[in-house]
C-alpha atoms as a PDB file:
ATOM      1  CA  MET A   1     -37.158   4.725  24.990  1.00  0.00           C
ATOM      2  CA  LYS A   2     -36.985   8.625  26.035  1.00  0.00           C
ATOM      3  CA  SER A   3     -38.559   7.533  29.733  1.00  0.00           C
ATOM      4  CA  PHE A   4     -35.423   5.164  30.191  1.00  0.00           C
ATOM      5  CA  ILE A   5     -32.490   7.844  29.049  1.00  0.00           C
ATOM      6  CA  PHE A   6     -34.329  10.044  31.771  1.00  0.00           C
ATOM      7  CA  TYR A   7     -34.108   7.724  34.646  1.00  0.00           C
ATOM      8  CA  ALA A   8     -30.543   6.552  33.005  1.00  0.00           C
ATOM      9  CA  ALA A   9     -29.657   9.867  33.338  1.00  0.00           C
ATOM     10  CA  ILE A  10     -30.950  10.521  37.046  1.00  0.00           C
ATOM     11  CA  VAL A  11     -29.154   7.195  38.226  1.00  0.00           C
ATOM     12  CA  ALA A  12     -25.711   8.666  36.494  1.00  0.00           C
ATOM     13  CA  SER A  13     -26.035  11.796  38.229  1.00  0.00           C
ATOM     14  CA  ILE A  14     -26.433  10.242  41.554  1.00  0.00           C
ATOM     15  CA  LEU A  15     -23.687   7.933  41.218  1.00  0.00           C
ATOM     16  CA  ILE A  16     -21.415  10.803  40.000  1.00  0.00           C
ATOM     17  CA  ALA A  17     -22.553  13.048  43.383  1.00  0.00           C
ATOM     18  CA  ASP A  18     -22.148   9.919  45.469  1.00  0.00           C
ATOM     19  CA  GLN A  19     -18.569   9.286  44.309  1.00  0.00           C
ATOM     20  CA  PHE A  20     -17.721  12.862  44.699  1.00  0.00           C
ATOM     21  CA  VAL A  21     -18.758  12.445  48.176  1.00  0.00           C
ATOM     22  CA  PHE A  22     -17.070   9.658  48.579  1.00  0.00           C
ATOM     23  CA  ALA A  23     -13.761  11.168  47.479  1.00  0.00           C
ATOM     24  CA  MET A  24     -14.527  14.351  50.314  1.00  0.00           C
ATOM     25  CA  GLU A  25     -14.845  12.141  52.967  1.00  0.00           C
ATOM     26  CA  THR A  26     -11.411  10.283  52.191  1.00  0.00           C
ATOM     27  CA  ASN A  27      -9.774  13.461  52.957  1.00  0.00           C
ATOM     28  CA  ILE A  28     -11.054  14.072  56.708  1.00  0.00           C
ATOM     29  CA  THR A  29      -8.574  13.799  59.665  1.00  0.00           C
ATOM     30  CA  THR A  30      -7.813  10.351  61.824  1.00  0.00           C
ATOM     31  CA  THR A  31      -9.827  12.194  64.962  1.00  0.00           C
ATOM     32  CA  GLU A  32     -13.351  12.042  62.909  1.00  0.00           C
ATOM     33  CA  THR A  33     -12.780   8.648  61.548  1.00  0.00           C
ATOM     34  CA  ALA A  34     -14.703   7.013  64.170  1.00  0.00           C
ATOM     35  CA  SER A  35     -17.902   8.925  63.627  1.00  0.00           C
ATOM     36  CA  VAL A  36     -17.690   7.735  59.816  1.00  0.00           C
ATOM     37  CA  SER A  37     -17.175   4.217  60.692  1.00  0.00           C
ATOM     38  CA  GLU A  38     -20.226   4.309  62.472  1.00  0.00           C
ATOM     39  CA  ALA A  39     -22.384   5.440  59.607  1.00  0.00           C
ATOM     40  CA  VAL A  40     -24.881   3.246  57.521  1.00  0.00           C
ATOM     41  CA  LYS A  41     -23.183   0.795  55.387  1.00  0.00           C
ATOM     42  CA  PRO A  42     -25.647  -1.231  53.223  1.00  0.00           C
ATOM     43  CA  ASN A  43     -25.676  -4.919  53.629  1.00  0.00           C
ATOM     44  CA  ILE A  44     -25.013  -5.928  50.247  1.00  0.00           C
ATOM     45  CA  MET A  45     -21.410  -8.234  50.363  1.00  0.00           C
ATOM     46  CA  ALA A  46     -21.615 -12.581  49.788  1.00  0.00           C
ATOM     47  CA  GLY A  47     -23.326 -14.491  52.341  1.00  0.00           C
ATOM     48  CA  ASN A  48     -26.186 -12.139  53.075  1.00  0.00           C
ATOM     49  CA  PHE A  49     -29.937 -12.418  52.297  1.00  0.00           C
ATOM     50  CA  GLN A  50     -32.301  -9.972  50.867  1.00  0.00           C
ATOM     51  CA  LEU A  51     -35.902 -10.230  51.423  1.00  0.00           C
ATOM     52  CA  GLY A  52     -38.171  -7.583  49.537  1.00  0.00           C
ATOM     53  CA  GLY A  53     -40.857  -6.323  47.524  1.00  0.00           C
ATOM     54  CA  GLY A  54     -42.810  -3.673  46.308  1.00  0.00           C
ATOM     55  CA  ALA A  55     -45.704  -2.529  44.293  1.00  0.00           C
ATOM     56  CA  SER A  56     -46.184  -0.139  41.175  1.00  0.00           C
ATOM     57  CA  TYR A  57     -49.158   1.622  39.640  1.00  0.00           C
ATOM     58  CA  THR A  58     -49.079   2.683  35.482  1.00  0.00           C
ATOM     59  CA  ASN A  59     -51.753   4.570  33.891  1.00  0.00           C
ATOM     60  CA  SER A  60     -51.010   4.498  30.206  1.00  0.00           C
ATOM     61  CA  LYS A  61     -52.908   4.836  27.031  1.00  0.00           C
ATOM     62  CA  TYR A  62     -54.109   0.922  27.315  1.00  0.00           C
ATOM     63  CA  GLY A  63     -55.147   1.396  30.494  1.00  0.00           C
ATOM     64  CA  GLN A  64     -54.281   0.778  34.185  1.00  0.00           C
ATOM     65  CA  SER A  65     -52.223  -1.736  35.701  1.00  0.00           C
ATOM     66  CA  PHE A  66     -51.002  -2.317  39.649  1.00  0.00           C
ATOM     67  CA  ASP A  67     -48.545  -4.513  40.546  1.00  0.00           C
ATOM     68  CA  PHE A  68     -47.414  -6.547  43.871  1.00  0.00           C
ATOM     69  CA  PHE A  69     -43.841  -8.346  43.455  1.00  0.00           C
ATOM     70  CA  PRO A  70     -41.966 -10.093  46.463  1.00  0.00           C
ATOM     71  CA  ASN A  71     -38.562 -11.467  46.082  1.00  0.00           C
ATOM     72  CA  VAL A  72     -35.935 -12.952  47.772  1.00  0.00           C
ATOM     73  CA  SER A  73     -32.706 -12.563  46.795  1.00  0.00           C
ATOM     74  CA  PHE A  74     -28.658 -14.113  47.794  1.00  0.00           C
ATOM     75  CA  PHE A  75     -25.902 -12.474  47.697  1.00  0.00           C
ATOM     76  CA  ILE A  76     -23.279 -14.798  45.739  1.00  0.00           C
ATOM     77  CA  ALA A  77     -20.703 -11.858  45.405  1.00  0.00           C
ATOM     78  CA  ASP A  78     -19.740  -8.855  47.015  1.00  0.00           C
ATOM     79  CA  TYR A  79     -22.755  -6.463  45.321  1.00  0.00           C
ATOM     80  CA  ILE A  80     -24.053  -9.156  42.881  1.00  0.00           C
ATOM     81  CA  SER A  81     -27.062 -10.984  44.043  1.00  0.00           C
ATOM     82  CA  VAL A  82     -29.353 -13.619  42.604  1.00  0.00           C
ATOM     83  CA  GLY A  83     -33.098 -14.125  43.221  1.00  0.00           C
ATOM     84  CA  LEU A  84     -36.550 -15.646  42.797  1.00  0.00           C
ATOM     85  CA  ASN A  85     -39.389 -13.177  42.127  1.00  0.00           C
ATOM     86  CA  LEU A  86     -43.369 -13.594  42.606  1.00  0.00           C
ATOM     87  CA  GLY A  87     -45.145 -10.997  40.540  1.00  0.00           C
ATOM     88  CA  TYR A  88     -48.765 -10.427  40.815  1.00  0.00           C
ATOM     89  CA  SER A  89     -50.596  -7.555  38.402  1.00  0.00           C
ATOM     90  CA  ILE A  90     -53.964  -6.812  37.796  1.00  0.00           C
ATOM     91  CA  ASP A  91     -54.833  -4.284  34.596  1.00  0.00           C
ATOM     92  CA  GLN A  92     -57.866  -2.809  33.751  1.00  0.00           C
ATOM     93  CA  GLN A  93     -57.616  -2.003  30.030  1.00  0.00           C
ATOM     94  CA  VAL A  94     -59.492   0.808  27.822  1.00  0.00           C
ATOM     95  CA  ASP A  95     -61.553  -1.774  26.301  1.00  0.00           C
ATOM     96  CA  GLU A  96     -63.047  -2.941  29.646  1.00  0.00           C
ATOM     97  CA  ALA A  97     -61.336  -6.461  29.664  1.00  0.00           C
ATOM     98  CA  SER A  98     -59.706  -7.140  33.252  1.00  0.00           C
ATOM     99  CA  VAL A  99     -56.013  -8.905  33.002  1.00  0.00           C
ATOM    100  CA  THR A 100     -54.627 -10.740  35.872  1.00  0.00           C
ATOM    101  CA  ARG A 101     -51.279 -11.886  35.500  1.00  0.00           C
ATOM    102  CA  VAL A 102     -49.087 -14.206  38.298  1.00  0.00           C
ATOM    103  CA  GLY A 103     -45.777 -14.907  37.377  1.00  0.00           C
ATOM    104  CA  LEU A 104     -42.575 -16.558  38.856  1.00  0.00           C
ATOM    105  CA  GLY A 105     -38.759 -16.424  37.566  1.00  0.00           C
ATOM    106  CA  PRO A 106     -35.157 -15.618  38.192  1.00  0.00           C
ATOM    107  CA  SER A 107     -33.658 -12.139  38.770  1.00  0.00           C
ATOM    108  CA  LEU A 108     -29.671 -11.150  38.787  1.00  0.00           C
ATOM    109  CA  ALA A 109     -29.182  -7.749  40.457  1.00  0.00           C
ATOM    110  CA  TYR A 110     -25.720  -5.462  40.531  1.00  0.00           C
ATOM    111  CA  PHE A 111     -25.599  -2.726  43.087  1.00  0.00           C
ATOM    112  CA  PHE A 112     -22.846  -0.143  42.225  1.00  0.00           C
ATOM    113  CA  LYS A 113     -20.046   0.467  45.237  1.00  0.00           C
ATOM    114  CA  THR A 114     -20.718   3.494  46.813  1.00  0.00           C
ATOM    115  CA  SER A 115     -19.860   5.208  50.144  1.00  0.00           C
ATOM    116  CA  GLY A 116     -23.209   6.276  51.397  1.00  0.00           C
ATOM    117  CA  GLN A 117     -26.545   5.303  52.347  1.00  0.00           C
ATOM    118  CA  ILE A 118     -27.685   5.110  48.588  1.00  0.00           C
ATOM    119  CA  ALA A 119     -27.124   2.030  46.584  1.00  0.00           C
ATOM    120  CA  PRO A 120     -27.505   2.564  42.792  1.00  0.00           C
ATOM    121  CA  PHE A 121     -28.077  -0.885  41.286  1.00  0.00           C
ATOM    122  CA  ALA A 122     -28.917  -2.637  37.598  1.00  0.00           C
ATOM    123  CA  SER A 123     -31.287  -5.702  37.575  1.00  0.00           C
ATOM    124  CA  LEU A 124     -32.353  -8.137  34.832  1.00  0.00           C
ATOM    125  CA  GLY A 125     -35.247 -10.415  35.514  1.00  0.00           C
ATOM    126  CA  PHE A 126     -37.397 -12.901  33.756  1.00  0.00           C
ATOM    127  CA  ALA A 127     -41.024 -13.857  34.671  1.00  0.00           C
ATOM    128  CA  PHE A 128     -42.869 -16.770  33.208  1.00  0.00           C
ATOM    129  CA  ASN A 129     -46.425 -15.794  33.904  1.00  0.00           C
ATOM    130  CA  THR A 130     -50.041 -17.526  33.430  1.00  0.00           C
ATOM    131  CA  THR A 131     -52.730 -14.961  32.622  1.00  0.00           C
ATOM    132  CA  THR A 132     -56.706 -14.480  32.911  1.00  0.00           C
ATOM    133  CA  SER A 133     -58.609 -12.520  31.086  1.00  0.00           C
ATOM    134  CA  THR A 134     -62.412 -11.536  31.299  1.00  0.00           C
ATOM    135  CA  GLY A 135     -63.682 -12.104  27.713  1.00  0.00           C
ATOM    136  CA  SER A 136     -61.037 -14.745  26.187  1.00  0.00           C
ATOM    137  CA  SER A 137     -59.162 -17.844  27.275  1.00  0.00           C
ATOM    138  CA  ASP A 138     -56.035 -17.882  29.437  1.00  0.00           C
ATOM    139  CA  PHE A 139     -52.641 -18.121  28.250  1.00  0.00           C
ATOM    140  CA  SER A 140     -49.105 -18.052  29.119  1.00  0.00           C
ATOM    141  CA  SER A 141     -46.057 -15.755  28.734  1.00  0.00           C
ATOM    142  CA  THR A 142     -42.726 -14.638  29.192  1.00  0.00           C
ATOM    143  CA  ASP A 143     -41.141 -11.602  29.909  1.00  0.00           C
ATOM    144  CA  VAL A 144     -37.426  -9.502  30.778  1.00  0.00           C
ATOM    145  CA  LEU A 145     -37.649  -7.060  33.031  1.00  0.00           C
ATOM    146  CA  PRO A 146     -34.500  -4.541  33.000  1.00  0.00           C
ATOM    147  CA  ALA A 147     -34.260  -1.862  35.472  1.00  0.00           C
ATOM    148  CA  LEU A 148     -32.689   0.794  37.151  1.00  0.00           C
ATOM    149  CA  GLY A 149     -32.780   2.091  40.290  1.00  0.00           C
ATOM    150  CA  LEU A 150     -31.810   3.369  43.657  1.00  0.00           C
ATOM    151  CA  GLN A 151     -31.614   1.755  47.443  1.00  0.00           C
ATOM    152  CA  TYR A 152     -31.437   4.187  50.016  1.00  0.00           C
ATOM    153  CA  PHE A 153     -30.634   2.560  53.545  1.00  0.00           C
ATOM    154  CA  PHE A 154     -32.293   3.687  56.828  1.00  0.00           C
ATOM    155  CA  THR A 155     -30.185   1.064  58.772  1.00  0.00           C
ATOM    156  CA  ASN A 156     -27.574  -1.663  57.331  1.00  0.00           C
ATOM    157  CA  GLU A 157     -30.067  -3.890  57.052  1.00  0.00           C
ATOM    158  CA  LEU A 158     -32.881  -1.901  56.079  1.00  0.00           C
ATOM    159  CA  SER A 159     -33.663   0.074  52.769  1.00  0.00           C
ATOM    160  CA  PHE A 160     -36.510   1.476  50.813  1.00  0.00           C
ATOM    161  CA  GLY A 161     -36.368   1.827  46.868  1.00  0.00           C
ATOM    162  CA  VAL A 162     -37.295   3.167  43.190  1.00  0.00           C
ATOM    163  CA  SER A 163     -36.712   2.084  40.022  1.00  0.00           C
ATOM    164  CA  PHE A 164     -37.733   2.279  36.739  1.00  0.00           C
ATOM    165  CA  ILE A 165     -38.464  -0.774  35.520  1.00  0.00           C
ATOM    166  CA  SER A 166     -40.286  -2.261  31.860  1.00  0.00           C
ATOM    167  CA  ARG A 167     -42.078  -5.293  31.333  1.00  0.00           C
ATOM    168  CA  ILE A 168     -40.975  -6.224  27.760  1.00  0.00           C
ATOM    169  CA  GLU A 169     -43.256  -9.714  26.394  1.00  0.00           C
ATOM    170  CA  ILE A 170     -40.779 -12.171  24.541  1.00  0.00           C
ATOM    171  CA  ALA A 171     -43.121 -14.836  24.203  1.00  0.00           C
ATOM    172  CA  ASN A 172     -47.067 -15.867  24.817  1.00  0.00           C
ATOM    173  CA  SER A 173     -48.716 -18.284  24.093  1.00  0.00           C
ATOM    174  CA  TYR A 174     -51.514 -16.429  21.829  1.00  0.00           C
ATOM    175  CA  GLY A 175     -49.040 -15.309  19.199  1.00  0.00           C
ATOM    176  CA  GLU A 176     -49.515 -11.116  19.124  1.00  0.00           C
ATOM    177  CA  ARG A 177     -46.550  -9.700  21.873  1.00  0.00           C
ATOM    178  CA  GLU A 178     -48.305  -6.767  23.650  1.00  0.00           C
ATOM    179  CA  PRO A 179     -46.235  -3.506  23.709  1.00  0.00           C
ATOM    180  CA  ALA A 180     -43.738  -2.842  26.813  1.00  0.00           C
ATOM    181  CA  VAL A 181     -44.645  -1.462  29.583  1.00  0.00           C
ATOM    182  CA  ASN A 182     -42.606   1.216  31.665  1.00  0.00           C
ATOM    183  CA  ALA A 183     -43.248   1.824  35.687  1.00  0.00           C
ATOM    184  CA  LEU A 184     -41.816   3.302  38.506  1.00  0.00           C
ATOM    185  CA  ARG A 185     -41.773   1.135  40.991  1.00  0.00           C
ATOM    186  CA  GLY A 186     -41.152   1.829  44.438  1.00  0.00           C
ATOM    187  CA  SER A 187     -39.799  -1.012  47.042  1.00  0.00           C
ATOM    188  CA  PHE A 188     -38.728  -2.227  50.530  1.00  0.00           C
ATOM    189  CA  GLY A 189     -35.748  -4.453  51.219  1.00  0.00           C
ATOM    190  CA  TYR A 190     -34.325  -6.541  54.397  1.00  0.00           C
ATOM    191  CA  PHE A 191     -30.622  -7.345  54.187  1.00  0.00           C
ATOM    192  CA  PHE A 192     -29.140  -9.654  56.453  1.00  0.00           C
END
């Protein structure tokens, strides 16, 4: 919980700084307006798509985990996207068990309105997983995936992002829920 509060404070600080810069930009003279209009503007408006993905590495007292997650999203309204995520993770647990998880699920993201190249966002996703573990039988699980993050747009279409995400298992076929896993994820996006 402390990690989540820390990352939420970072995102809030960036939002405040971005709004301060936006307020400063609104005071520019009309002769400078042309250069501002040519600036990068994130392509996160209704009717656009995002192709993206990323990876994360987690090391905890339970073991190590590597996650890879491609996704596709559609902006149903300005700043709001719905998407489909595919997840693949490999866990090496401290008890020497190796766990491979493949998941698929929907997501919803809201990008906060900003004036610059940084677009903070909050998202919520679900993953319906099939898991294979050495030494035990296969099982299925369902995870909730809340996240807070930032996308930095190099151009109107290309971005790099970082987010704090939690994987919270809410149901599984073997009866014993795993503890929540928190991770810092790097991602990329192509918006068109």
